[in-house]
């Protein structure tokens, strides 16, 4: 017996199950988008920290360029690499959250 040949009660059950299933999928997708946004926020924060605590930028902003050391320059380089990585990860998470929300609007198709 095919799905279309089932008695009405089974067809109604299948429709109800499908509705519950789709609501569950949508709720899971919404939660995944929220997690992606949290990941985005954390990575933007870490990116900002790499600028805020950069020893070269800090000393230059205070007018202490003469006090720069090789250690400051090396630390600055490492922090800027980290900042770039976190910026990239934040933007990727932002795009993932947006894509998930678009799928939810489409009905998960």
Protein backbone atom coordinates (compact mmCIF):
# COMPACT_ATOMS: atom_id res chain seq x y z
CA UNK A 1 0.00 0.00 0.00
CA UNK A 2 1.47 3.38 -0.99
CA UNK A 3 1.38 6.45 1.20
CA UNK A 4 -1.46 7.92 -0.91
CA UNK A 5 -3.56 4.75 -0.53
CA UNK A 6 -3.46 4.75 3.29
CA UNK A 7 -6.65 5.34 5.25
CA UNK A 8 -7.42 8.98 6.16
CA UNK A 9 -6.36 8.54 9.79
CA UNK A 10 -2.84 7.58 8.71
CA UNK A 11 -2.72 10.49 6.27
CA UNK A 12 -3.74 12.91 9.03
CA UNK A 13 -1.14 11.35 11.32
CA UNK A 14 1.53 11.76 8.64
CA UNK A 15 0.57 15.41 8.15
CA UNK A 16 0.63 16.08 11.89
CA UNK A 17 3.98 14.34 12.24
CA UNK A 18 5.40 16.34 9.32
CA UNK A 19 4.20 19.59 10.91
CA UNK A 20 5.81 18.73 14.26
CA UNK A 21 8.97 17.59 12.49
CA UNK A 22 9.21 20.82 10.47
CA UNK A 23 8.64 22.95 13.60
CA UNK A 24 11.41 21.02 15.33
CA UNK A 25 13.75 21.53 12.37
CA UNK A 26 12.92 25.26 12.30
CA UNK A 27 13.56 25.57 16.05
CA UNK A 28 16.89 23.78 15.68
CA UNK A 29 17.87 26.00 12.76
CA UNK A 30 16.93 29.11 14.74
CA UNK A 31 19.10 27.93 17.61
CA UNK A 32 21.99 27.24 15.20
CA UNK A 33 21.70 30.80 13.84
CA UNK A 34 21.78 32.18 17.40
CA UNK A 35 24.92 30.14 18.14
CA UNK A 36 26.54 31.47 14.96
CA UNK A 37 25.70 35.03 16.06
CA UNK A 38 27.26 34.39 19.49
CA UNK A 39 30.38 33.07 17.76
CA UNK A 40 30.39 36.19 15.56
CA UNK A 41 30.11 38.50 18.57
CA UNK A 42 32.91 36.75 20.47
CA UNK A 43 35.25 36.84 17.47
CA UNK A 44 34.59 40.53 16.82
CA UNK A 45 35.37 41.17 20.49
CA UNK A 46 38.66 39.27 20.18
CA UNK A 47 39.47 41.19 16.99
CA UNK A 48 38.84 44.48 18.80
CA UNK A 49 41.08 43.36 21.68
CA UNK A 50 43.92 42.72 19.25
CA UNK A 51 43.75 46.40 18.29
CA UNK A 52 43.07 47.78 21.75
CA UNK A 53 45.99 45.96 23.41
CA UNK A 54 48.49 46.24 20.55
CA UNK A 55 51.69 47.65 22.13
CA UNK A 56 52.77 49.53 19.00
CA UNK A 57 49.39 51.18 18.49
CA UNK A 58 49.14 52.03 22.20
CA UNK A 59 52.57 53.62 22.36
CA UNK A 60 52.09 55.52 19.10
CA UNK A 61 48.71 56.83 20.29
CA UNK A 62 50.37 58.14 23.45
CA UNK A 63 53.22 59.68 21.44
CA UNK A 64 55.79 57.19 22.79
CA UNK A 65 57.19 56.05 19.44
CA UNK A 66 60.73 56.38 20.79
CA UNK A 67 59.93 53.72 23.43
CA UNK A 68 59.11 50.96 20.91
CA UNK A 69 61.11 47.76 21.27
CA UNK A 70 61.62 44.79 19.02
CA UNK A 71 59.47 42.81 21.45
CA UNK A 72 56.63 45.35 20.96
CA UNK A 73 56.89 45.05 17.20
CA UNK A 74 56.88 41.24 17.28
CA UNK A 75 53.94 41.21 19.72
CA UNK A 76 52.07 43.68 17.50
CA UNK A 77 52.62 41.52 14.43
CA UNK A 78 51.27 38.44 16.22
CA UNK A 79 48.27 40.37 17.54
CA UNK A 80 47.39 41.73 14.10
CA UNK A 81 47.52 38.24 12.61
CA UNK A 82 45.23 37.01 15.39
CA UNK A 83 42.93 40.00 14.85
CA UNK A 84 42.70 39.28 11.13
CA UNK A 85 41.85 35.64 11.80
CA UNK A 86 39.16 36.57 14.33
CA UNK A 87 37.70 39.16 11.95
CA UNK A 88 37.50 36.54 9.21
CA UNK A 89 35.86 34.03 11.57
CA UNK A 90 33.37 36.66 12.76
CA UNK A 91 32.34 37.53 9.21
CA UNK A 92 32.01 33.85 8.32
CA UNK A 93 29.76 33.26 11.35
CA UNK A 94 27.70 36.31 10.37
CA UNK A 95 27.20 34.87 6.87
CA UNK A 96 26.34 31.43 8.24
CA UNK A 97 23.68 32.88 10.57
CA UNK A 98 22.21 34.86 7.67
CA UNK A 99 22.14 31.77 5.42
CA UNK A 100 20.43 29.71 8.12
CA UNK A 101 17.76 32.39 8.64
CA UNK A 102 17.13 32.54 4.89
CA UNK A 103 16.62 28.77 4.88
CA UNK A 104 14.12 29.10 7.74
CA UNK A 105 12.16 31.69 5.71
CA UNK A 106 12.14 29.30 2.76
CA UNK A 107 10.71 26.59 5.00
CA UNK A 108 13.95 24.64 5.31
CA UNK A 109 13.93 23.62 1.63
